[in-house]
Amino acid sequence: MDEHQIEKISALIKERLLAGESVLLEGIGTFSRIHEPQHFSRDEKGRTVAHPPKDTVQFSPEELGERE
């Protein structure tokens, strides 16, 4: 597989994830978009720190024997 093909596959995966869909690559695993809501924590001085919401990508590899 050449670099151009890899770029096209990556762009397709990104497009589907941005549309809110999961992407299954048979024999490899699934990419999913996970939304992490805003949350708050305290720093070492006890001050409240806000963490803005964000979306992350999670990859779940296909389990061995799952395709049988």
PDB file of N, CA and C in Angstrom:
ATOM      1  N   MET A   1       0.852  -1.167   0.000  1.00  0.00           N
ATOM      2  CA  MET A   1       0.000   0.000   0.000  1.00  0.00           C
ATOM      3  C   MET A   1       0.901   1.234   0.000  1.00  0.00           C
ATOM      4  N   ASP A   2       0.648   2.154  -0.916  1.00  0.00           N
ATOM      5  CA  ASP A   2       1.501   3.344  -0.978  1.00  0.00           C
ATOM      6  C   ASP A   2       0.956   4.475  -0.106  1.00  0.00           C
ATOM      7  N   GLU A   3       1.738   5.517   0.035  1.00  0.00           N
ATOM      8  CA  GLU A   3       1.403   6.636   0.924  1.00  0.00           C
ATOM      9  C   GLU A   3       0.101   7.327   0.516  1.00  0.00           C
ATOM     10  N   HIS A   4      -0.152   7.425  -0.783  1.00  0.00           N
ATOM     11  CA  HIS A   4      -1.384   8.065  -1.272  1.00  0.00           C
ATOM     12  C   HIS A   4      -2.617   7.273  -0.820  1.00  0.00           C
ATOM     13  N   GLN A   5      -2.553   5.968  -0.891  1.00  0.00           N
ATOM     14  CA  GLN A   5      -3.678   5.136  -0.452  1.00  0.00           C
ATOM     15  C   GLN A   5      -3.902   5.265   1.047  1.00  0.00           C
ATOM     16  N   ILE A   6      -2.832   5.301   1.813  1.00  0.00           N
ATOM     17  CA  ILE A   6      -2.942   5.457   3.267  1.00  0.00           C
ATOM     18  C   ILE A   6      -3.579   6.797   3.609  1.00  0.00           C
ATOM     19  N   GLU A   7      -3.196   7.858   2.901  1.00  0.00           N
ATOM     20  CA  GLU A   7      -3.778   9.179   3.130  1.00  0.00           C
ATOM     21  C   GLU A   7      -5.271   9.182   2.827  1.00  0.00           C
ATOM     22  N   LYS A   8      -5.682   8.499   1.754  1.00  0.00           N
ATOM     23  CA  LYS A   8      -7.101   8.435   1.399  1.00  0.00           C
ATOM     24  C   LYS A   8      -7.900   7.669   2.456  1.00  0.00           C
ATOM     25  N   ILE A   9      -7.337   6.582   2.956  1.00  0.00           N
ATOM     26  CA  ILE A   9      -8.009   5.803   4.001  1.00  0.00           C
ATOM     27  C   ILE A   9      -8.116   6.631   5.274  1.00  0.00           C
ATOM     28  N   SER A  10      -7.050   7.327   5.640  1.00  0.00           N
ATOM     29  CA  SER A  10      -7.057   8.178   6.834  1.00  0.00           C
ATOM     30  C   SER A  10      -8.104   9.274   6.712  1.00  0.00           C
ATOM     31  N   ALA A  11      -8.212   9.889   5.544  1.00  0.00           N
ATOM     32  CA  ALA A  11      -9.202  10.948   5.326  1.00  0.00           C
ATOM     33  C   ALA A  11     -10.623  10.396   5.450  1.00  0.00           C
ATOM     34  N   LEU A  12     -10.849   9.202   4.945  1.00  0.00           N
ATOM     35  CA  LEU A  12     -12.171   8.583   5.036  1.00  0.00           C
ATOM     36  C   LEU A  12     -12.523   8.271   6.489  1.00  0.00           C
ATOM     37  N   ILE A  13     -11.579   7.742   7.238  1.00  0.00           N
ATOM     38  CA  ILE A  13     -11.809   7.447   8.660  1.00  0.00           C
ATOM     39  C   ILE A  13     -12.135   8.746   9.395  1.00  0.00           C
ATOM     40  N   LYS A  14     -11.368   9.793   9.153  1.00  0.00           N
ATOM     41  CA  LYS A  14     -11.599  11.083   9.813  1.00  0.00           C
ATOM     42  C   LYS A  14     -12.979  11.626   9.461  1.00  0.00           C
ATOM     43  N   GLU A  15     -13.357  11.550   8.200  1.00  0.00           N
ATOM     44  CA  GLU A  15     -14.664  12.039   7.753  1.00  0.00           C
ATOM     45  C   GLU A  15     -15.796  11.317   8.484  1.00  0.00           C
ATOM     46  N   ARG A  16     -15.710  10.006   8.591  1.00  0.00           N
ATOM     47  CA  ARG A  16     -16.750   9.210   9.259  1.00  0.00           C
ATOM     48  C   ARG A  16     -16.798   9.512  10.757  1.00  0.00           C
ATOM     49  N   LEU A  17     -15.638   9.655  11.388  1.00  0.00           N
ATOM     50  CA  LEU A  17     -15.605   9.971  12.816  1.00  0.00           C
ATOM     51  C   LEU A  17     -16.212  11.346  13.090  1.00  0.00           C
ATOM     52  N   LEU A  18     -15.908  12.331  12.235  1.00  0.00           N
ATOM     53  CA  LEU A  18     -16.479  13.666  12.403  1.00  0.00           C
ATOM     54  C   LEU A  18     -17.989  13.661  12.202  1.00  0.00           C
ATOM     55  N   ALA A  19     -18.486  12.704  11.422  1.00  0.00           N
ATOM     56  CA  ALA A  19     -19.930  12.564  11.210  1.00  0.00           C
ATOM     57  C   ALA A  19     -20.591  11.811  12.364  1.00  0.00           C
ATOM     58  N   GLY A  20     -19.786  11.389  13.346  1.00  0.00           N
ATOM     59  CA  GLY A  20     -20.340  10.701  14.511  1.00  0.00           C
ATOM     60  C   GLY A  20     -20.464   9.200  14.346  1.00  0.00           C
ATOM     61  N   GLU A  21     -19.876   8.660  13.304  1.00  0.00           N
ATOM     62  CA  GLU A  21     -19.953   7.223  13.045  1.00  0.00           C
ATOM     63  C   GLU A  21     -18.699   6.517  13.561  1.00  0.00           C
ATOM     64  N   SER A  22     -18.856   5.242  13.899  1.00  0.00           N
ATOM     65  CA  SER A  22     -17.699   4.395  14.205  1.00  0.00           C
ATOM     66  C   SER A  22     -17.207   3.787  12.905  1.00  0.00           C
ATOM     67  N   VAL A  23     -15.936   3.445  12.866  1.00  0.00           N
ATOM     68  CA  VAL A  23     -15.343   2.870  11.653  1.00  0.00           C
ATOM     69  C   VAL A  23     -14.751   1.514  11.999  1.00  0.00           C
ATOM     70  N   LEU A  24     -15.296   0.464  11.383  1.00  0.00           N
ATOM     71  CA  LEU A  24     -14.806  -0.899  11.578  1.00  0.00           C
ATOM     72  C   LEU A  24     -13.878  -1.260  10.434  1.00  0.00           C
ATOM     73  N   LEU A  25     -12.663  -1.662  10.767  1.00  0.00           N
ATOM     74  CA  LEU A  25     -11.728  -2.200   9.781  1.00  0.00           C
ATOM     75  C   LEU A  25     -11.634  -3.692  10.079  1.00  0.00           C
ATOM     76  N   GLU A  26     -12.285  -4.482   9.250  1.00  0.00           N
ATOM     77  CA  GLU A  26     -12.349  -5.915   9.518  1.00  0.00           C
ATOM     78  C   GLU A  26     -10.957  -6.513   9.646  1.00  0.00           C
ATOM     79  N   GLY A  27     -10.807  -7.327  10.682  1.00  0.00           N
ATOM     80  CA  GLY A  27      -9.533  -7.972  10.943  1.00  0.00           C
ATOM     81  C   GLY A  27      -8.557  -7.091  11.707  1.00  0.00           C
ATOM     82  N   ILE A  28      -8.935  -5.821  11.932  1.00  0.00           N
ATOM     83  CA  ILE A  28      -8.045  -4.894  12.629  1.00  0.00           C
ATOM     84  C   ILE A  28      -8.694  -4.379  13.906  1.00  0.00           C
ATOM     85  N   GLY A  29      -9.824  -3.689  13.766  1.00  0.00           N
ATOM     86  CA  GLY A  29     -10.512  -3.151  14.938  1.00  0.00           C
ATOM     87  C   GLY A  29     -11.436  -2.021  14.570  1.00  0.00           C
ATOM     88  N   THR A  30     -11.909  -1.288  15.574  1.00  0.00           N
ATOM     89  CA  THR A  30     -12.892  -0.228  15.391  1.00  0.00           C
ATOM     90  C   THR A  30     -12.386   1.087  15.965  1.00  0.00           C
ATOM     91  N   PHE A  31     -12.549   2.160  15.194  1.00  0.00           N
ATOM     92  CA  PHE A  31     -12.294   3.518  15.646  1.00  0.00           C
ATOM     93  C   PHE A  31     -13.626   4.142  16.026  1.00  0.00           C
ATOM     94  N   SER A  32     -13.682   4.796  17.193  1.00  0.00           N
ATOM     95  CA  SER A  32     -14.897   5.454  17.653  1.00  0.00           C
ATOM     96  C   SER A  32     -14.549   6.829  18.200  1.00  0.00           C
ATOM     97  N   ARG A  33     -15.489   7.761  18.030  1.00  0.00           N
ATOM     98  CA  ARG A  33     -15.311   9.093  18.615  1.00  0.00           C
ATOM     99  C   ARG A  33     -15.971   9.096  19.980  1.00  0.00           C
ATOM    100  N   ILE A  34     -15.245   9.526  20.990  1.00  0.00           N
ATOM    101  CA  ILE A  34     -15.729   9.566  22.357  1.00  0.00           C
ATOM    102  C   ILE A  34     -15.788  11.029  22.800  1.00  0.00           C
ATOM    103  N   HIS A  35     -16.941  11.442  23.341  1.00  0.00           N
ATOM    104  CA  HIS A  35     -17.083  12.808  23.840  1.00  0.00           C
ATOM    105  C   HIS A  35     -16.797  12.812  25.334  1.00  0.00           C
ATOM    106  N   GLU A  36     -15.880  13.668  25.744  1.00  0.00           N
ATOM    107  CA  GLU A  36     -15.566  13.835  27.159  1.00  0.00           C
ATOM    108  C   GLU A  36     -16.145  15.185  27.589  1.00  0.00           C
ATOM    109  N   PRO A  37     -17.132  15.188  28.489  1.00  0.00           N
ATOM    110  CA  PRO A  37     -17.754  16.444  28.903  1.00  0.00           C
ATOM    111  C   PRO A  37     -16.804  17.301  29.741  1.00  0.00           C
ATOM    112  N   GLN A  38     -17.170  18.576  29.888  1.00  0.00           N
ATOM    113  CA  GLN A  38     -16.393  19.471  30.735  1.00  0.00           C
ATOM    114  C   GLN A  38     -16.371  18.919  32.154  1.00  0.00           C
ATOM    115  N   HIS A  39     -15.232  19.050  32.799  1.00  0.00           N
ATOM    116  CA  HIS A  39     -15.148  18.644  34.195  1.00  0.00           C
ATOM    117  C   HIS A  39     -14.171  19.568  34.929  1.00  0.00           C
ATOM    118  N   PHE A  40     -14.200  19.483  36.234  1.00  0.00           N
ATOM    119  CA  PHE A  40     -13.381  20.343  37.075  1.00  0.00           C
ATOM    120  C   PHE A  40     -12.515  19.478  37.988  1.00  0.00           C
ATOM    121  N   SER A  41     -11.345  19.994  38.303  1.00  0.00           N
ATOM    122  CA  SER A  41     -10.460  19.325  39.255  1.00  0.00           C
ATOM    123  C   SER A  41      -9.800  20.406  40.098  1.00  0.00           C
ATOM    124  N   ARG A  42      -8.991  19.993  41.027  1.00  0.00           N
ATOM    125  CA  ARG A  42      -8.264  20.939  41.877  1.00  0.00           C
ATOM    126  C   ARG A  42      -6.764  20.741  41.636  1.00  0.00           C
ATOM    127  N   ASP A  43      -6.058  21.863  41.573  1.00  0.00           N
ATOM    128  CA  ASP A  43      -4.606  21.769  41.420  1.00  0.00           C
ATOM    129  C   ASP A  43      -3.960  21.593  42.796  1.00  0.00           C
ATOM    130  N   GLU A  44      -2.635  21.557  42.821  1.00  0.00           N
ATOM    131  CA  GLU A  44      -1.914  21.293  44.070  1.00  0.00           C
ATOM    132  C   GLU A  44      -2.101  22.389  45.130  1.00  0.00           C
ATOM    133  N   LYS A  45      -2.558  23.573  44.707  1.00  0.00           N
ATOM    134  CA  LYS A  45      -2.807  24.664  45.659  1.00  0.00           C
ATOM    135  C   LYS A  45      -4.285  24.762  46.051  1.00  0.00           C
ATOM    136  N   GLY A  46      -5.092  23.801  45.582  1.00  0.00           N
ATOM    137  CA  GLY A  46      -6.509  23.778  45.937  1.00  0.00           C
ATOM    138  C   GLY A  46      -7.396  24.632  45.053  1.00  0.00           C
ATOM    139  N   ARG A  47      -6.829  25.214  44.003  1.00  0.00           N
ATOM    140  CA  ARG A  47      -7.625  26.038  43.087  1.00  0.00           C
ATOM    141  C   ARG A  47      -8.402  25.146  42.125  1.00  0.00           C
ATOM    142  N   THR A  48      -9.595  25.599  41.765  1.00  0.00           N
ATOM    143  CA  THR A  48     -10.427  24.863  40.811  1.00  0.00           C
ATOM    144  C   THR A  48      -9.895  25.096  39.403  1.00  0.00           C
ATOM    145  N   VAL A  49      -9.752  24.014  38.659  1.00  0.00           N
ATOM    146  CA  VAL A  49      -9.273  24.070  37.279  1.00  0.00           C
ATOM    147  C   VAL A  49     -10.370  23.491  36.387  1.00  0.00           C
ATOM    148  N   ALA A  50     -10.783  24.253  35.373  1.00  0.00           N
ATOM    149  CA  ALA A  50     -11.802  23.790  34.431  1.00  0.00           C
ATOM    150  C   ALA A  50     -11.120  23.099  33.251  1.00  0.00           C
ATOM    151  N   HIS A  51     -11.642  21.940  32.889  1.00  0.00           N
ATOM    152  CA  HIS A  51     -11.169  21.208  31.714  1.00  0.00           C
ATOM    153  C   HIS A  51     -12.296  21.238  30.690  1.00  0.00           C
ATOM    154  N   PRO A  52     -12.096  21.887  29.542  1.00  0.00           N
ATOM    155  CA  PRO A  52     -13.175  22.026  28.568  1.00  0.00           C
ATOM    156  C   PRO A  52     -13.570  20.676  27.956  1.00  0.00           C
ATOM    157  N   PRO A  53     -14.782  20.610  27.406  1.00  0.00           N
ATOM    158  CA  PRO A  53     -15.185  19.365  26.756  1.00  0.00           C
ATOM    159  C   PRO A  53     -14.303  19.112  25.534  1.00  0.00           C
ATOM    160  N   LYS A  54     -14.147  17.842  25.204  1.00  0.00           N
ATOM    161  CA  LYS A  54     -13.364  17.514  24.011  1.00  0.00           C
ATOM    162  C   LYS A  54     -13.799  16.164  23.470  1.00  0.00           C
ATOM    163  N   ASP A  55     -13.510  15.963  22.205  1.00  0.00           N
ATOM    164  CA  ASP A  55     -13.751  14.675  21.557  1.00  0.00           C
ATOM    165  C   ASP A  55     -12.402  14.008  21.342  1.00  0.00           C
ATOM    166  N   THR A  56     -12.357  12.719  21.609  1.00  0.00           N
ATOM    167  CA  THR A  56     -11.145  11.939  21.385  1.00  0.00           C
ATOM    168  C   THR A  56     -11.490  10.729  20.544  1.00  0.00           C
ATOM    169  N   VAL A  57     -10.484  10.110  19.982  1.00  0.00           N
ATOM    170  CA  VAL A  57     -10.682   8.898  19.188  1.00  0.00           C
ATOM    171  C   VAL A  57     -10.198   7.715  20.005  1.00  0.00           C
ATOM    172  N   GLN A  58     -11.037   6.696  20.043  1.00  0.00           N
ATOM    173  CA  GLN A  58     -10.690   5.453  20.745  1.00  0.00           C
ATOM    174  C   GLN A  58     -10.567   4.353  19.707  1.00  0.00           C
ATOM    175  N   PHE A  59      -9.547   3.524  19.855  1.00  0.00           N
ATOM    176  CA  PHE A  59      -9.382   2.364  18.978  1.00  0.00           C
ATOM    177  C   PHE A  59      -9.537   1.109  19.812  1.00  0.00           C
ATOM    178  N   SER A  60     -10.416   0.224  19.355  1.00  0.00           N
ATOM    179  CA  SER A  60     -10.612  -1.072  20.013  1.00  0.00           C
ATOM    180  C   SER A  60     -10.178  -2.159  19.039  1.00  0.00           C
ATOM    181  N   PRO A  61      -9.072  -2.836  19.328  1.00  0.00           N
ATOM    182  CA  PRO A  61      -8.618  -3.885  18.405  1.00  0.00           C
ATOM    183  C   PRO A  61      -9.595  -5.046  18.374  1.00  0.00           C
ATOM    184  N   GLU A  62      -9.659  -5.699  17.235  1.00  0.00           N
ATOM    185  CA  GLU A  62     -10.503  -6.875  17.102  1.00  0.00           C
ATOM    186  C   GLU A  62      -9.895  -8.001  17.921  1.00  0.00           C
ATOM    187  N   GLU A  63     -10.720  -8.680  18.676  1.00  0.00           N
ATOM    188  CA  GLU A  63     -10.251  -9.791  19.495  1.00  0.00           C
ATOM    189  C   GLU A  63      -9.881 -10.978  18.590  1.00  0.00           C
ATOM    190  N   LEU A  64      -8.855 -11.706  18.970  1.00  0.00           N
ATOM    191  CA  LEU A  64      -8.482 -12.910  18.231  1.00  0.00           C
ATOM    192  C   LEU A  64      -9.621 -13.903  18.315  1.00  0.00           C
ATOM    193  N   GLY A  65      -9.923 -14.531  17.225  1.00  0.00           N
ATOM    194  CA  GLY A  65     -10.987 -15.515  17.193  1.00  0.00           C
ATOM    195  C   GLY A  65     -12.371 -14.918  16.980  1.00  0.00           C
ATOM    196  N   GLU A  66     -12.482 -13.593  16.959  1.00  0.00           N
ATOM    197  CA  GLU A  66     -13.753 -12.934  16.774  1.00  0.00           C
ATOM    198  C   GLU A  66     -14.313 -13.123  15.384  1.00  0.00           C
ATOM    199  N   ARG A  67     -13.446 -13.322  14.396  1.00  0.00           N
ATOM    200  CA  ARG A  67     -13.886 -13.423  12.996  1.00  0.00           C
ATOM    201  C   ARG A  67     -14.317 -14.832  12.623  1.00  0.00           C
ATOM    202  N   GLU A  68     -14.152 -15.792  13.483  1.00  0.00           N
ATOM    203  CA  GLU A  68     -14.444 -17.176  13.120  1.00  0.00           C
ATOM    204  C   GLU A  68     -15.911 -17.433  12.969  1.00  0.00           C
TER     205      GLU A  68
END
